[in-house]
Amino acid sequence: MPKPLLTARYRVVVRDAKGKIMRIEEAPSKSFILNFLYLWWLDFNLNDTDSISVVNSSGQQTTTPLYQPQYWYLAFGGGSAPYSGIQVGSGTSAPSASSPYLESLILSGTGSGQLSYGSNTATSPLLSSNPGTMTITRTFANNSGGSVTVGEIGLATNQSEPNQNVYNAVLLIHDVLSSAASVPNGGTITVTYTLQVNT
């Protein structure tokens, strides 16, 4: 059976307040979702008559027109930060291909149940071998005063509404961990997505 041409893997590392590793999970990503196809569809059709559900820069679920591809920035940051790039949530339900966002997004902050979203870091594509790969990594710090449970992760790109200074995070990949991960107060969780192409 031929290998898929495009695949993704995730790696999750949980550390306690002293930096000691408490858990590592690595597995194939199973859930590229419909928004990933919308991204390509817009490139090919230049059609902006439909709408999608997204998370805005405040972490709220909202609906926005698709817009043409120049308004979808393949950047993990920008105006929709902190929620563009890698996201984490507390949901545990199996993702659907039509999922527009994580089941229960964990907001960025230091309040109860929140995690501080760090910067996204992306490596340059490694094309000297087959398969070719690139990675996106983000660390989330728990300064909430209590443990925070992470059950799901995702990868989103930045989208803007033209001339309105409104920015959104469009989820492209959505995965549920094999079991929920507890991040202790003072600890961190680091999520890495590796995207891979085969020829």
Protein backbone atom coordinates (compact mmCIF):
# COMPACT_ATOMS: atom_id res chain seq x y z
CA MET A 1 0.00 0.00 0.00
CA PRO A 2 1.51 3.41 -0.96
CA LYS A 3 2.39 5.89 1.76
CA PRO A 4 0.16 8.97 2.14
CA LEU A 5 1.66 11.99 0.39
CA LEU A 6 0.93 14.33 3.31
CA THR A 7 0.99 13.26 6.95
CA ALA A 8 1.46 14.81 10.37
CA ARG A 9 2.67 13.61 13.76
CA TYR A 10 2.41 15.20 17.15
CA ARG A 11 4.62 15.00 20.23
CA VAL A 12 3.50 16.17 23.66
CA VAL A 13 5.88 16.63 26.61
CA VAL A 14 4.61 17.55 30.09
CA ARG A 15 7.08 18.85 32.69
CA ASP A 16 6.63 19.69 36.36
CA ALA A 17 7.64 22.96 38.03
CA LYS A 18 11.26 21.77 38.28
CA GLY A 19 11.45 20.83 34.60
CA LYS A 20 11.26 17.08 35.20
CA ILE A 21 9.51 15.21 32.40
CA MET A 22 6.27 13.68 33.62
CA ARG A 23 4.85 12.40 30.34
CA ILE A 24 5.70 12.03 26.66
CA GLU A 25 3.19 11.08 23.99
CA GLU A 26 3.95 10.81 20.30
CA ALA A 27 1.51 9.58 17.67
CA PRO A 28 0.34 10.10 14.09
CA SER A 29 -2.13 12.92 13.65
CA LYS A 30 -5.43 11.49 12.41
CA SER A 31 -7.44 14.61 11.88
CA PHE A 32 -6.76 17.06 9.08
CA ILE A 33 -10.16 18.75 8.97
CA LEU A 34 -12.38 20.42 6.39
CA ASN A 35 -10.77 23.84 6.83
CA PHE A 36 -7.56 22.39 5.42
CA LEU A 37 -9.46 21.64 2.19
CA TYR A 38 -11.06 25.09 2.23
CA LEU A 39 -7.58 26.57 2.18
CA TRP A 40 -6.80 24.77 -1.07
CA TRP A 41 -10.27 25.33 -2.49
CA LEU A 42 -9.88 29.09 -2.11
CA ASP A 43 -6.53 29.00 -3.88
CA PHE A 44 -8.02 27.15 -6.82
CA ASN A 45 -11.42 28.86 -7.03
CA LEU A 46 -10.89 32.36 -5.60
CA ASN A 47 -14.37 32.03 -4.13
CA ASP A 48 -15.38 33.91 -0.98
CA THR A 49 -19.14 33.40 -0.88
CA ASP A 50 -19.22 30.85 1.94
CA SER A 51 -18.51 31.25 5.66
CA ILE A 52 -16.67 29.25 8.31
CA SER A 53 -16.56 28.99 12.09
CA VAL A 54 -13.34 30.25 13.68
CA VAL A 55 -11.81 31.36 16.98
CA ASN A 56 -11.06 35.07 17.18
CA SER A 57 -8.15 36.80 18.91
CA SER A 58 -10.06 36.74 22.21
CA GLY A 59 -10.61 33.00 22.05
CA GLN A 60 -14.30 33.35 21.22
CA GLN A 61 -16.05 31.13 18.69
CA THR A 62 -17.45 33.17 15.82
CA THR A 63 -18.41 32.95 12.13
CA THR A 64 -16.62 34.80 9.35
CA PRO A 65 -16.76 34.84 5.53
CA LEU A 66 -14.16 32.62 3.91
CA TYR A 67 -12.56 35.41 1.86
CA GLN A 68 -10.06 34.92 -0.90
CA PRO A 69 -6.70 33.29 -0.15
CA GLN A 70 -4.79 36.55 0.30
CA TYR A 71 -6.65 36.94 3.59
CA TRP A 72 -5.53 33.55 4.89
CA TYR A 73 -2.02 34.06 6.18
CA LEU A 74 -0.06 30.86 6.56
CA ALA A 75 1.51 32.30 9.68
CA PHE A 76 1.40 31.02 13.22
CA GLY A 77 0.97 34.33 14.97
CA GLY A 78 0.07 37.76 13.68
CA GLY A 79 -3.23 39.41 14.44
CA SER A 80 -4.98 36.28 15.67
CA ALA A 81 -2.31 35.53 18.27
CA PRO A 82 -2.27 33.77 20.66
CA TYR A 83 -4.71 31.32 19.11
CA SER A 84 -3.13 30.91 15.68
CA GLY A 85 -0.51 28.20 15.59
CA ILE A 86 -0.76 25.36 18.09
CA GLN A 87 -3.79 25.38 20.38
CA VAL A 88 -4.69 23.25 23.41
CA GLY A 89 -8.06 22.38 24.87
CA SER A 90 -9.68 20.32 27.60
CA GLY A 91 -12.06 18.38 25.36
CA THR A 92 -11.83 14.62 24.95
CA SER A 93 -14.40 13.88 22.24
CA ALA A 94 -13.18 12.31 19.01
CA PRO A 95 -12.64 15.00 16.35
CA SER A 96 -14.88 15.19 13.32
CA ALA A 97 -13.63 16.10 9.84
CA SER A 98 -16.04 19.04 9.97
CA SER A 99 -14.88 20.27 13.41
CA PRO A 100 -14.44 24.05 13.14
CA TYR A 101 -12.51 24.43 16.41
CA LEU A 102 -11.35 22.55 19.47
CA GLU A 103 -14.15 21.18 21.63
CA SER A 104 -13.10 23.29 24.63
CA LEU A 105 -10.27 25.74 23.94
CA ILE A 106 -8.05 26.58 26.92
CA LEU A 107 -7.68 30.35 27.00
CA SER A 108 -4.32 32.07 27.25
CA GLY A 109 -3.70 33.63 30.65
CA THR A 110 -2.94 33.01 34.31
CA GLY A 111 -6.50 32.60 35.61
CA SER A 112 -8.02 29.36 36.83
CA GLY A 113 -7.94 26.71 34.11
CA GLN A 114 -5.80 28.84 31.79
CA LEU A 115 -2.33 28.34 30.29
CA SER A 116 0.09 31.02 29.11
CA TYR A 117 0.62 30.52 25.37
CA GLY A 118 4.26 30.84 24.33
CA SER A 119 5.53 31.72 20.88
CA ASN A 120 5.22 29.30 17.98
CA THR A 121 8.54 28.16 16.55
CA ALA A 122 8.74 26.66 13.07
CA THR A 123 11.73 24.95 11.50
CA SER A 124 12.62 25.40 7.85
CA PRO A 125 11.46 22.50 5.67
CA LEU A 126 14.07 19.74 5.41
CA LEU A 127 14.00 18.75 1.76
CA SER A 128 17.31 16.95 1.42
CA SER A 129 15.69 13.61 2.19
CA ASN A 130 12.51 11.69 1.47
CA PRO A 131 10.25 12.28 3.28
CA GLY A 132 10.58 16.04 3.64
CA THR A 133 9.59 17.45 7.02
CA MET A 134 9.02 20.64 8.97
CA THR A 135 8.00 21.16 12.60
CA ILE A 136 5.97 23.69 14.58
CA THR A 137 6.50 23.79 18.36
CA ARG A 138 4.84 25.71 21.19
CA THR A 139 5.20 25.61 24.96
CA PHE A 140 2.35 26.46 27.33
CA ALA A 141 3.14 27.45 30.92
CA ASN A 142 0.79 26.83 33.83
CA ASN A 143 0.76 29.83 36.16
CA SER A 144 -2.88 29.40 37.15
CA GLY A 145 -2.36 28.28 40.73
CA GLY A 146 -3.74 24.78 40.10
CA SER A 147 -3.39 21.89 37.68
CA VAL A 148 -4.81 22.25 34.15
CA THR A 149 -6.02 19.29 32.11
CA VAL A 150 -5.22 19.10 28.38
CA GLY A 151 -7.19 16.57 26.37
CA GLU A 152 -6.92 17.91 22.81
CA ILE A 153 -4.51 19.82 20.60
CA GLY A 154 -4.73 21.52 17.23
CA LEU A 155 -2.94 23.56 14.59
CA ALA A 156 -4.46 26.77 13.21
CA THR A 157 -3.49 29.43 10.72
CA ASN A 158 -4.16 33.18 10.72
CA GLN A 159 -7.07 34.78 8.81
CA SER A 160 -8.12 38.43 8.66
CA GLU A 161 -11.29 40.24 7.66
CA PRO A 162 -10.33 42.83 5.02
CA ASN A 163 -10.14 46.46 6.17
CA GLN A 164 -11.74 45.64 9.54
CA ASN A 165 -8.72 44.83 11.72
CA VAL A 166 -10.46 41.62 12.77
CA TYR A 167 -8.31 38.50 13.02
CA ASN A 168 -9.19 34.85 13.43
CA ALA A 169 -7.49 31.50 13.94
CA VAL A 170 -8.64 28.85 11.46
CA LEU A 171 -8.19 25.31 12.76
CA LEU A 172 -6.57 22.92 10.23
CA ILE A 173 -5.70 19.88 12.38
CA HIS A 174 -7.47 18.57 15.50
CA ASP A 175 -6.22 15.67 17.64
CA VAL A 176 -7.27 14.12 20.94
CA LEU A 177 -4.62 12.68 23.25
CA SER A 178 -4.74 9.01 24.20
CA SER A 179 -5.63 10.17 27.71
CA ALA A 180 -5.91 13.66 29.15
CA ALA A 181 -2.66 15.20 30.40
CA SER A 182 -2.53 17.00 33.75
CA VAL A 183 -0.17 19.99 33.73
CA PRO A 184 0.80 20.89 37.32
CA ASN A 185 0.96 24.45 38.56
CA GLY A 186 4.36 25.85 37.60
CA GLY A 187 4.76 23.17 34.95
CA THR A 188 4.64 23.26 31.17
CA ILE A 189 3.28 21.31 28.24
CA THR A 190 5.15 21.44 24.91
CA VAL A 191 3.39 20.40 21.71
CA THR A 192 5.21 19.75 18.44
CA TYR A 193 3.57 19.03 15.12
CA THR A 194 5.72 17.52 12.39
CA LEU A 195 4.37 17.80 8.85
CA GLN A 196 5.74 15.34 6.33
CA VAL A 197 5.56 14.93 2.57
CA ASN A 198 6.48 11.78 0.65
CA THR A 199 7.34 11.29 -3.01
